[in-house]
Amino acid sequence: MGDPWSGLSINRGSFLVSFLVSFAGDSNWRWSYNLRFRFQDNDWFLIGKTEENFAVSSGDADFEKTDYNLLTGVMIHTVGKKPPVKKNFGKKKIRLKDWESET
């Protein structure tokens, strides 16, 4: 599967940690996972998360993206070429020191 680390960038007053992985046994499938953290209220907080799954060979047909904005409490879910679906999951305040990865 290789090293999933894709990079670290700093922009818009926050830092973004990125991962990109091939699914085991099938090099055509990829998933990416981006986490955005910001320093506010004298601490570091997770403010956003984006997950993507896609097949390299099929383009938009096999594409799924879920974007979570923890500050606004809005999730945007996109599958293929269908219109994005917005849902409100409620605002979350997660300190970096309390955050644990689901993966």
PDB file of N, CA and C in Angstrom:
ATOM      1  N   MET A   1       0.821  -1.196   0.000  1.00  0.00           N
ATOM      2  CA  MET A   1       0.000   0.000   0.000  1.00  0.00           C
ATOM      3  C   MET A   1       0.862   1.256   0.000  1.00  0.00           C
ATOM      4  N   GLY A   2       2.075   1.178   0.441  1.00  0.00           N
ATOM      5  CA  GLY A   2       2.946   2.338   0.407  1.00  0.00           C
ATOM      6  C   GLY A   2       2.697   3.292   1.565  1.00  0.00           C
ATOM      7  N   ASP A   3       3.453   4.356   1.561  1.00  0.00           N
ATOM      8  CA  ASP A   3       3.357   5.378   2.606  1.00  0.00           C
ATOM      9  C   ASP A   3       2.191   6.307   2.275  1.00  0.00           C
ATOM     10  N   PRO A   4       1.194   6.423   3.156  1.00  0.00           N
ATOM     11  CA  PRO A   4       0.030   7.260   2.857  1.00  0.00           C
ATOM     12  C   PRO A   4       0.289   8.762   2.986  1.00  0.00           C
ATOM     13  N   TRP A   5       1.391   9.160   3.615  1.00  0.00           N
ATOM     14  CA  TRP A   5       1.662  10.580   3.839  1.00  0.00           C
ATOM     15  C   TRP A   5       1.723  11.301   2.508  1.00  0.00           C
ATOM     16  N   SER A   6       0.911  12.347   2.349  1.00  0.00           N
ATOM     17  CA  SER A   6       0.872  13.097   1.105  1.00  0.00           C
ATOM     18  C   SER A   6       1.410  14.514   1.280  1.00  0.00           C
ATOM     19  N   GLY A   7       1.389  15.011   2.510  1.00  0.00           N
ATOM     20  CA  GLY A   7       1.969  16.328   2.712  1.00  0.00           C
ATOM     21  C   GLY A   7       1.329  17.132   3.816  1.00  0.00           C
ATOM     22  N   LEU A   8       1.950  18.254   4.056  1.00  0.00           N
ATOM     23  CA  LEU A   8       1.498  19.221   5.054  1.00  0.00           C
ATOM     24  C   LEU A   8       1.587  20.590   4.407  1.00  0.00           C
ATOM     25  N   SER A   9       0.515  21.359   4.490  1.00  0.00           N
ATOM     26  CA  SER A   9       0.543  22.709   3.932  1.00  0.00           C
ATOM     27  C   SER A   9      -0.059  23.678   4.952  1.00  0.00           C
ATOM     28  N   ILE A  10       0.354  24.914   4.820  1.00  0.00           N
ATOM     29  CA  ILE A  10      -0.147  25.971   5.703  1.00  0.00           C
ATOM     30  C   ILE A  10      -0.772  27.037   4.832  1.00  0.00           C
ATOM     31  N   ASN A  11      -2.067  27.326   5.072  1.00  0.00           N
ATOM     32  CA  ASN A  11      -2.745  28.393   4.340  1.00  0.00           C
ATOM     33  C   ASN A  11      -4.018  28.786   5.087  1.00  0.00           C
ATOM     34  N   ARG A  12      -4.516  29.959   4.772  1.00  0.00           N
ATOM     35  CA  ARG A  12      -5.752  30.475   5.365  1.00  0.00           C
ATOM     36  C   ARG A  12      -5.737  30.408   6.895  1.00  0.00           C
ATOM     37  N   GLY A  13      -4.566  30.633   7.508  1.00  0.00           N
ATOM     38  CA  GLY A  13      -4.462  30.649   8.963  1.00  0.00           C
ATOM     39  C   GLY A  13      -4.625  29.288   9.608  1.00  0.00           C
ATOM     40  N   SER A  14      -4.393  28.221   8.846  1.00  0.00           N
ATOM     41  CA  SER A  14      -4.550  26.869   9.374  1.00  0.00           C
ATOM     42  C   SER A  14      -3.524  25.959   8.711  1.00  0.00           C
ATOM     43  N   PHE A  15      -3.423  24.721   9.203  1.00  0.00           N
ATOM     44  CA  PHE A  15      -2.566  23.767   8.510  1.00  0.00           C
ATOM     45  C   PHE A  15      -3.380  22.556   8.095  1.00  0.00           C
ATOM     46  N   LEU A  16      -2.998  21.985   6.954  1.00  0.00           N
ATOM     47  CA  LEU A  16      -3.714  20.878   6.338  1.00  0.00           C
ATOM     48  C   LEU A  16      -2.775  19.673   6.271  1.00  0.00           C
ATOM     49  N   VAL A  17      -3.222  18.543   6.836  1.00  0.00           N
ATOM     50  CA  VAL A  17      -2.478  17.292   6.802  1.00  0.00           C
ATOM     51  C   VAL A  17      -3.173  16.388   5.779  1.00  0.00           C
ATOM     52  N   SER A  18      -2.413  15.854   4.812  1.00  0.00           N
ATOM     53  CA  SER A  18      -3.008  15.093   3.714  1.00  0.00           C
ATOM     54  C   SER A  18      -2.423  13.686   3.616  1.00  0.00           C
ATOM     55  N   PHE A  19      -3.314  12.733   3.290  1.00  0.00           N
ATOM     56  CA  PHE A  19      -2.937  11.333   3.094  1.00  0.00           C
ATOM     57  C   PHE A  19      -3.565  10.845   1.793  1.00  0.00           C
ATOM     58  N   LEU A  20      -2.865   9.966   1.058  1.00  0.00           N
ATOM     59  CA  LEU A  20      -3.380   9.357  -0.164  1.00  0.00           C
ATOM     60  C   LEU A  20      -2.915   7.913  -0.190  1.00  0.00           C
ATOM     61  N   VAL A  21      -3.858   6.970  -0.346  1.00  0.00           N
ATOM     62  CA  VAL A  21      -3.537   5.547  -0.266  1.00  0.00           C
ATOM     63  C   VAL A  21      -4.231   4.783  -1.386  1.00  0.00           C
ATOM     64  N   SER A  22      -3.560   3.734  -1.883  1.00  0.00           N
ATOM     65  CA  SER A  22      -4.181   2.769  -2.794  1.00  0.00           C
ATOM     66  C   SER A  22      -4.838   1.699  -1.940  1.00  0.00           C
ATOM     67  N   PHE A  23      -6.035   1.258  -2.336  1.00  0.00           N
ATOM     68  CA  PHE A  23      -6.675   0.169  -1.606  1.00  0.00           C
ATOM     69  C   PHE A  23      -5.858  -1.102  -1.807  1.00  0.00           C
ATOM     70  N   ALA A  24      -5.772  -1.909  -0.786  1.00  0.00           N
ATOM     71  CA  ALA A  24      -4.997  -3.152  -0.849  1.00  0.00           C
ATOM     72  C   ALA A  24      -5.534  -4.061  -1.954  1.00  0.00           C
ATOM     73  N   GLY A  25      -4.634  -4.607  -2.746  1.00  0.00           N
ATOM     74  CA  GLY A  25      -5.019  -5.577  -3.757  1.00  0.00           C
ATOM     75  C   GLY A  25      -5.518  -4.988  -5.058  1.00  0.00           C
ATOM     76  N   ASP A  26      -5.701  -3.670  -5.147  1.00  0.00           N
ATOM     77  CA  ASP A  26      -6.214  -3.073  -6.377  1.00  0.00           C
ATOM     78  C   ASP A  26      -5.630  -1.673  -6.512  1.00  0.00           C
ATOM     79  N   SER A  27      -4.621  -1.531  -7.330  1.00  0.00           N
ATOM     80  CA  SER A  27      -3.934  -0.246  -7.442  1.00  0.00           C
ATOM     81  C   SER A  27      -4.766   0.813  -8.163  1.00  0.00           C
ATOM     82  N   ASN A  28      -5.926   0.444  -8.710  1.00  0.00           N
ATOM     83  CA  ASN A  28      -6.800   1.384  -9.401  1.00  0.00           C
ATOM     84  C   ASN A  28      -7.540   2.298  -8.415  1.00  0.00           C
ATOM     85  N   TRP A  29      -7.854   1.796  -7.226  1.00  0.00           N
ATOM     86  CA  TRP A  29      -8.632   2.564  -6.245  1.00  0.00           C
ATOM     87  C   TRP A  29      -7.737   3.356  -5.313  1.00  0.00           C
ATOM     88  N   ARG A  30      -8.173   4.565  -5.011  1.00  0.00           N
ATOM     89  CA  ARG A  30      -7.442   5.462  -4.108  1.00  0.00           C
ATOM     90  C   ARG A  30      -8.414   6.056  -3.092  1.00  0.00           C
ATOM     91  N   TRP A  31      -7.889   6.431  -1.960  1.00  0.00           N
ATOM     92  CA  TRP A  31      -8.660   7.245  -1.034  1.00  0.00           C
ATOM     93  C   TRP A  31      -7.749   8.335  -0.525  1.00  0.00           C
ATOM     94  N   SER A  32      -8.322   9.478  -0.263  1.00  0.00           N
ATOM     95  CA  SER A  32      -7.554  10.569   0.326  1.00  0.00           C
ATOM     96  C   SER A  32      -8.284  11.055   1.560  1.00  0.00           C
ATOM     97  N   TYR A  33      -7.500  11.586   2.451  1.00  0.00           N
ATOM     98  CA  TYR A  33      -8.010  12.007   3.753  1.00  0.00           C
ATOM     99  C   TYR A  33      -7.271  13.275   4.115  1.00  0.00           C
ATOM    100  N   ASN A  34      -7.982  14.384   4.256  1.00  0.00           N
ATOM    101  CA  ASN A  34      -7.378  15.667   4.593  1.00  0.00           C
ATOM    102  C   ASN A  34      -7.971  16.190   5.895  1.00  0.00           C
ATOM    103  N   LEU A  35      -7.106  16.643   6.764  1.00  0.00           N
ATOM    104  CA  LEU A  35      -7.517  17.184   8.052  1.00  0.00           C
ATOM    105  C   LEU A  35      -7.018  18.615   8.169  1.00  0.00           C
ATOM    106  N   ARG A  36      -7.906  19.540   8.547  1.00  0.00           N
ATOM    107  CA  ARG A  36      -7.518  20.946   8.691  1.00  0.00           C
ATOM    108  C   ARG A  36      -7.617  21.343  10.163  1.00  0.00           C
ATOM    109  N   PHE A  37      -6.511  21.903  10.687  1.00  0.00           N
ATOM    110  CA  PHE A  37      -6.432  22.348  12.070  1.00  0.00           C
ATOM    111  C   PHE A  37      -6.124  23.840  12.105  1.00  0.00           C
ATOM    112  N   ARG A  38      -6.642  24.525  13.141  1.00  0.00           N
ATOM    113  CA  ARG A  38      -6.382  25.956  13.286  1.00  0.00           C
ATOM    114  C   ARG A  38      -6.167  26.288  14.758  1.00  0.00           C
ATOM    115  N   PHE A  39      -5.291  27.258  14.998  1.00  0.00           N
ATOM    116  CA  PHE A  39      -5.059  27.734  16.357  1.00  0.00           C
ATOM    117  C   PHE A  39      -6.077  28.827  16.663  1.00  0.00           C
ATOM    118  N   GLN A  40      -6.890  28.601  17.679  1.00  0.00           N
ATOM    119  CA  GLN A  40      -7.895  29.583  18.107  1.00  0.00           C
ATOM    120  C   GLN A  40      -8.186  29.344  19.587  1.00  0.00           C
ATOM    121  N   ASP A  41      -8.594  30.366  20.289  1.00  0.00           N
ATOM    122  CA  ASP A  41      -8.910  30.251  21.713  1.00  0.00           C
ATOM    123  C   ASP A  41      -7.758  29.607  22.486  1.00  0.00           C
ATOM    124  N   ASN A  42      -6.517  29.985  22.141  1.00  0.00           N
ATOM    125  CA  ASN A  42      -5.298  29.497  22.803  1.00  0.00           C
ATOM    126  C   ASN A  42      -5.106  27.987  22.732  1.00  0.00           C
ATOM    127  N   ASP A  43      -5.589  27.342  21.680  1.00  0.00           N
ATOM    128  CA  ASP A  43      -5.405  25.909  21.502  1.00  0.00           C
ATOM    129  C   ASP A  43      -5.566  25.563  20.022  1.00  0.00           C
ATOM    130  N   TRP A  44      -5.139  24.349  19.628  1.00  0.00           N
ATOM    131  CA  TRP A  44      -5.312  23.856  18.270  1.00  0.00           C
ATOM    132  C   TRP A  44      -6.590  23.043  18.186  1.00  0.00           C
ATOM    133  N   PHE A  45      -7.395  23.305  17.127  1.00  0.00           N
ATOM    134  CA  PHE A  45      -8.673  22.616  16.934  1.00  0.00           C
ATOM    135  C   PHE A  45      -8.759  22.030  15.534  1.00  0.00           C
ATOM    136  N   LEU A  46      -9.395  20.854  15.435  1.00  0.00           N
ATOM    137  CA  LEU A  46      -9.758  20.284  14.137  1.00  0.00           C
ATOM    138  C   LEU A  46     -10.966  21.074  13.646  1.00  0.00           C
ATOM    139  N   ILE A  47     -10.852  21.698  12.468  1.00  0.00           N
ATOM    140  CA  ILE A  47     -11.964  22.521  11.968  1.00  0.00           C
ATOM    141  C   ILE A  47     -12.586  21.968  10.683  1.00  0.00           C
ATOM    142  N   GLY A  48     -11.910  20.984  10.057  1.00  0.00           N
ATOM    143  CA  GLY A  48     -12.461  20.423   8.835  1.00  0.00           C
ATOM    144  C   GLY A  48     -11.835  19.091   8.492  1.00  0.00           C
ATOM    145  N   LYS A  49     -12.602  18.287   7.774  1.00  0.00           N
ATOM    146  CA  LYS A  49     -12.129  16.974   7.338  1.00  0.00           C
ATOM    147  C   LYS A  49     -12.753  16.678   5.979  1.00  0.00           C
ATOM    148  N   THR A  50     -11.942  16.183   5.048  1.00  0.00           N
ATOM    149  CA  THR A  50     -12.431  15.803   3.729  1.00  0.00           C
ATOM    150  C   THR A  50     -11.954  14.390   3.416  1.00  0.00           C
ATOM    151  N   GLU A  51     -12.890  13.535   2.994  1.00  0.00           N
ATOM    152  CA  GLU A  51     -12.576  12.159   2.607  1.00  0.00           C
ATOM    153  C   GLU A  51     -12.997  11.966   1.159  1.00  0.00           C
ATOM    154  N   GLU A  52     -12.128  11.354   0.362  1.00  0.00           N
ATOM    155  CA  GLU A  52     -12.449  11.062  -1.037  1.00  0.00           C
ATOM    156  C   GLU A  52     -12.089   9.611  -1.349  1.00  0.00           C
ATOM    157  N   ASN A  53     -12.930   8.961  -2.155  1.00  0.00           N
ATOM    158  CA  ASN A  53     -12.672   7.634  -2.703  1.00  0.00           C
ATOM    159  C   ASN A  53     -12.868   7.732  -4.205  1.00  0.00           C
ATOM    160  N   PHE A  54     -11.938   7.169  -4.970  1.00  0.00           N
ATOM    161  CA  PHE A  54     -12.092   7.257  -6.424  1.00  0.00           C
ATOM    162  C   PHE A  54     -11.306   6.165  -7.122  1.00  0.00           C
ATOM    163  N   ALA A  55     -11.777   5.802  -8.307  1.00  0.00           N
ATOM    164  CA  ALA A  55     -11.074   4.855  -9.176  1.00  0.00           C
ATOM    165  C   ALA A  55     -10.323   5.670 -10.219  1.00  0.00           C
ATOM    166  N   VAL A  56      -9.043   5.462 -10.310  1.00  0.00           N
ATOM    167  CA  VAL A  56      -8.203   6.238 -11.224  1.00  0.00           C
ATOM    168  C   VAL A  56      -8.660   6.075 -12.674  1.00  0.00           C
ATOM    169  N   SER A  57      -9.048   4.864 -13.072  1.00  0.00           N
ATOM    170  CA  SER A  57      -9.375   4.592 -14.478  1.00  0.00           C
ATOM    171  C   SER A  57     -10.747   5.079 -14.921  1.00  0.00           C
ATOM    172  N   SER A  58     -11.671   5.329 -13.980  1.00  0.00           N
ATOM    173  CA  SER A  58     -13.030   5.665 -14.400  1.00  0.00           C
ATOM    174  C   SER A  58     -13.417   7.124 -14.177  1.00  0.00           C
ATOM    175  N   GLY A  59     -12.515   7.943 -13.686  1.00  0.00           N
ATOM    176  CA  GLY A  59     -12.801   9.363 -13.525  1.00  0.00           C
ATOM    177  C   GLY A  59     -13.952   9.639 -12.578  1.00  0.00           C
ATOM    178  N   ASP A  60     -14.897  10.501 -13.007  1.00  0.00           N
ATOM    179  CA  ASP A  60     -16.013  10.919 -12.155  1.00  0.00           C
ATOM    180  C   ASP A  60     -17.027   9.818 -11.855  1.00  0.00           C
ATOM    181  N   ALA A  61     -17.073   8.781 -12.661  1.00  0.00           N
ATOM    182  CA  ALA A  61     -18.091   7.742 -12.482  1.00  0.00           C
ATOM    183  C   ALA A  61     -17.965   7.051 -11.126  1.00  0.00           C
ATOM    184  N   ASP A  62     -16.756   6.794 -10.687  1.00  0.00           N
ATOM    185  CA  ASP A  62     -16.521   6.138  -9.401  1.00  0.00           C
ATOM    186  C   ASP A  62     -15.816   7.104  -8.459  1.00  0.00           C
ATOM    187  N   PHE A  63     -16.513   8.150  -8.074  1.00  0.00           N
ATOM    188  CA  PHE A  63     -15.947   9.193  -7.229  1.00  0.00           C
ATOM    189  C   PHE A  63     -16.911   9.474  -6.082  1.00  0.00           C
ATOM    190  N   GLU A  64     -16.384   9.573  -4.877  1.00  0.00           N
ATOM    191  CA  GLU A  64     -17.199   9.923  -3.721  1.00  0.00           C
ATOM    192  C   GLU A  64     -16.383  10.845  -2.819  1.00  0.00           C
ATOM    193  N   LYS A  65     -17.008  11.937  -2.391  1.00  0.00           N
ATOM    194  CA  LYS A  65     -16.330  12.914  -1.545  1.00  0.00           C
ATOM    195  C   LYS A  65     -17.275  13.355  -0.432  1.00  0.00           C
ATOM    196  N   THR A  66     -16.744  13.394   0.781  1.00  0.00           N
ATOM    197  CA  THR A  66     -17.497  13.912   1.918  1.00  0.00           C
ATOM    198  C   THR A  66     -16.646  14.967   2.590  1.00  0.00           C
ATOM    199  N   ASP A  67     -17.188  16.172   2.710  1.00  0.00           N
ATOM    200  CA  ASP A  67     -16.477  17.300   3.298  1.00  0.00           C
ATOM    201  C   ASP A  67     -17.219  17.749   4.553  1.00  0.00           C
ATOM    202  N   TYR A  68     -16.520  17.779   5.685  1.00  0.00           N
ATOM    203  CA  TYR A  68     -17.106  18.181   6.959  1.00  0.00           C
ATOM    204  C   TYR A  68     -16.503  19.508   7.395  1.00  0.00           C
ATOM    205  N   ASN A  69     -17.345  20.487   7.660  1.00  0.00           N
ATOM    206  CA  ASN A  69     -16.909  21.755   8.230  1.00  0.00           C
ATOM    207  C   ASN A  69     -17.371  21.756   9.680  1.00  0.00           C
ATOM    208  N   LEU A  70     -16.451  21.555  10.597  1.00  0.00           N
ATOM    209  CA  LEU A  70     -16.812  21.454  12.010  1.00  0.00           C
ATOM    210  C   LEU A  70     -17.204  22.796  12.617  1.00  0.00           C
ATOM    211  N   LEU A  71     -16.781  23.908  12.000  1.00  0.00           N
ATOM    212  CA  LEU A  71     -17.143  25.236  12.501  1.00  0.00           C
ATOM    213  C   LEU A  71     -18.603  25.583  12.205  1.00  0.00           C
ATOM    214  N   THR A  72     -19.074  25.188  11.016  1.00  0.00           N
ATOM    215  CA  THR A  72     -20.455  25.501  10.634  1.00  0.00           C
ATOM    216  C   THR A  72     -21.407  24.342  10.908  1.00  0.00           C
ATOM    217  N   GLY A  73     -20.847  23.125  11.045  1.00  0.00           N
ATOM    218  CA  GLY A  73     -21.685  21.944  11.253  1.00  0.00           C
ATOM    219  C   GLY A  73     -22.325  21.429   9.983  1.00  0.00           C
ATOM    220  N   VAL A  74     -21.766  21.788   8.822  1.00  0.00           N
ATOM    221  CA  VAL A  74     -22.333  21.376   7.540  1.00  0.00           C
ATOM    222  C   VAL A  74     -21.449  20.311   6.892  1.00  0.00           C
ATOM    223  N   MET A  75     -22.080  19.243   6.404  1.00  0.00           N
ATOM    224  CA  MET A  75     -21.412  18.189   5.663  1.00  0.00           C
ATOM    225  C   MET A  75     -21.926  18.244   4.221  1.00  0.00           C
ATOM    226  N   ILE A  76     -21.016  18.145   3.257  1.00  0.00           N
ATOM    227  CA  ILE A  76     -21.388  18.096   1.848  1.00  0.00           C
ATOM    228  C   ILE A  76     -20.901  16.765   1.291  1.00  0.00           C
ATOM    229  N   HIS A  77     -21.843  15.973   0.758  1.00  0.00           N
ATOM    230  CA  HIS A  77     -21.532  14.640   0.239  1.00  0.00           C
ATOM    231  C   HIS A  77     -21.800  14.622  -1.264  1.00  0.00           C
ATOM    232  N   THR A  78     -20.787  14.198  -2.034  1.00  0.00           N
ATOM    233  CA  THR A  78     -20.896  14.145  -3.487  1.00  0.00           C
ATOM    234  C   THR A  78     -20.572  12.736  -3.960  1.00  0.00           C
ATOM    235  N   VAL A  79     -21.417  12.193  -4.849  1.00  0.00           N
ATOM    236  CA  VAL A  79     -21.179  10.875  -5.445  1.00  0.00           C
ATOM    237  C   VAL A  79     -21.253  11.026  -6.954  1.00  0.00           C
ATOM    238  N   GLY A  80     -20.164  10.659  -7.631  1.00  0.00           N
ATOM    239  CA  GLY A  80     -20.123  10.737  -9.088  1.00  0.00           C
ATOM    240  C   GLY A  80     -20.480  12.116  -9.595  1.00  0.00           C
ATOM    241  N   LYS A  81     -21.343  12.162 -10.602  1.00  0.00           N
ATOM    242  CA  LYS A  81     -21.747  13.433 -11.201  1.00  0.00           C
ATOM    243  C   LYS A  81     -23.071  13.952 -10.635  1.00  0.00           C
ATOM    244  N   LYS A  82     -23.580  13.284  -9.605  1.00  0.00           N
ATOM    245  CA  LYS A  82     -24.829  13.726  -8.985  1.00  0.00           C
ATOM    246  C   LYS A  82     -24.608  15.038  -8.237  1.00  0.00           C
ATOM    247  N   PRO A  83     -25.666  15.842  -8.072  1.00  0.00           N
ATOM    248  CA  PRO A  83     -25.521  17.089  -7.312  1.00  0.00           C
ATOM    249  C   PRO A  83     -25.135  16.789  -5.853  1.00  0.00           C
ATOM    250  N   PRO A  84     -24.313  17.641  -5.258  1.00  0.00           N
ATOM    251  CA  PRO A  84     -23.926  17.449  -3.863  1.00  0.00           C
ATOM    252  C   PRO A  84     -25.131  17.527  -2.927  1.00  0.00           C
ATOM    253  N   VAL A  85     -25.073  16.776  -1.835  1.00  0.00           N
ATOM    254  CA  VAL A  85     -26.123  16.779  -0.821  1.00  0.00           C
ATOM    255  C   VAL A  85     -25.541  17.394   0.447  1.00  0.00           C
ATOM    256  N   LYS A  86     -26.235  18.426   0.970  1.00  0.00           N
ATOM    257  CA  LYS A  86     -25.797  19.086   2.200  1.00  0.00           C
ATOM    258  C   LYS A  86     -26.617  18.583   3.375  1.00  0.00           C
ATOM    259  N   LYS A  87     -25.934  18.360   4.494  1.00  0.00           N
ATOM    260  CA  LYS A  87     -26.613  17.969   5.723  1.00  0.00           C
ATOM    261  C   LYS A  87     -25.998  18.735   6.887  1.00  0.00           C
ATOM    262  N   ASN A  88     -26.817  19.049   7.876  1.00  0.00           N
ATOM    263  CA  ASN A  88     -26.321  19.705   9.070  1.00  0.00           C
ATOM    264  C   ASN A  88     -26.142  18.654  10.154  1.00  0.00           C
ATOM    265  N   PHE A  89     -24.915  18.508  10.651  1.00  0.00           N
ATOM    266  CA  PHE A  89     -24.640  17.530  11.698  1.00  0.00           C
ATOM    267  C   PHE A  89     -24.359  18.196  13.042  1.00  0.00           C
ATOM    268  N   GLY A  90     -24.415  19.512  13.084  1.00  0.00           N
ATOM    269  CA  GLY A  90     -24.165  20.250  14.324  1.00  0.00           C
ATOM    270  C   GLY A  90     -22.696  20.629  14.461  1.00  0.00           C
ATOM    271  N   LYS A  91     -22.443  21.793  14.990  1.00  0.00           N
ATOM    272  CA  LYS A  91     -21.072  22.272  15.162  1.00  0.00           C
ATOM    273  C   LYS A  91     -20.333  21.394  16.163  1.00  0.00           C
ATOM    274  N   LYS A  92     -19.044  21.189  15.912  1.00  0.00           N
ATOM    275  CA  LYS A  92     -18.193  20.388  16.788  1.00  0.00           C
ATOM    276  C   LYS A  92     -16.968  21.206  17.166  1.00  0.00           C
ATOM    277  N   LYS A  93     -16.515  21.054  18.383  1.00  0.00           N
ATOM    278  CA  LYS A  93     -15.298  21.720  18.827  1.00  0.00           C
ATOM    279  C   LYS A  93     -14.370  20.630  19.362  1.00  0.00           C
ATOM    280  N   ILE A  94     -13.385  20.234  18.530  1.00  0.00           N
ATOM    281  CA  ILE A  94     -12.495  19.124  18.872  1.00  0.00           C
ATOM    282  C   ILE A  94     -11.058  19.637  18.964  1.00  0.00           C
ATOM    283  N   ARG A  95     -10.497  19.587  20.154  1.00  0.00           N
ATOM    284  CA  ARG A  95      -9.102  19.980  20.353  1.00  0.00           C
ATOM    285  C   ARG A  95      -8.182  18.937  19.719  1.00  0.00           C
ATOM    286  N   LEU A  96      -7.062  19.402  19.167  1.00  0.00           N
ATOM    287  CA  LEU A  96      -6.094  18.500  18.563  1.00  0.00           C
ATOM    288  C   LEU A  96      -5.639  17.450  19.578  1.00  0.00           C
ATOM    289  N   LYS A  97      -5.408  17.846  20.820  1.00  0.00           N
ATOM    290  CA  LYS A  97      -4.919  16.889  21.818  1.00  0.00           C
ATOM    291  C   LYS A  97      -5.983  15.836  22.192  1.00  0.00           C
ATOM    292  N   ASP A  98      -7.268  16.110  21.923  1.00  0.00           N
ATOM    293  CA  ASP A  98      -8.341  15.163  22.224  1.00  0.00           C
ATOM    294  C   ASP A  98      -8.769  14.351  21.005  1.00  0.00           C
ATOM    295  N   TRP A  99      -8.328  14.772  19.819  1.00  0.00           N
ATOM    296  CA  TRP A  99      -8.750  14.127  18.577  1.00  0.00           C
ATOM    297  C   TRP A  99      -8.069  12.774  18.435  1.00  0.00           C
ATOM    298  N   GLU A 100      -8.844  11.786  17.984  1.00  0.00           N
ATOM    299  CA  GLU A 100      -8.312  10.466  17.661  1.00  0.00           C
ATOM    300  C   GLU A 100      -8.790  10.088  16.280  1.00  0.00           C
ATOM    301  N   SER A 101      -7.901   9.552  15.480  1.00  0.00           N
ATOM    302  CA  SER A 101      -8.242   9.142  14.120  1.00  0.00           C
ATOM    303  C   SER A 101      -9.169   7.938  14.152  1.00  0.00           C
ATOM    304  N   GLU A 102     -10.132   7.930  13.214  1.00  0.00           N
ATOM    305  CA  GLU A 102     -11.033   6.794  13.066  1.00  0.00           C
ATOM    306  C   GLU A 102     -10.354   5.657  12.310  1.00  0.00           C
ATOM    307  N   THR A 103      -9.249   5.979  11.623  1.00  0.00           N
ATOM    308  CA  THR A 103      -8.576   4.965  10.811  1.00  0.00           C
ATOM    309  C   THR A 103      -7.296   4.514  11.444  1.00  0.00           C
TER     310      THR A 103
END
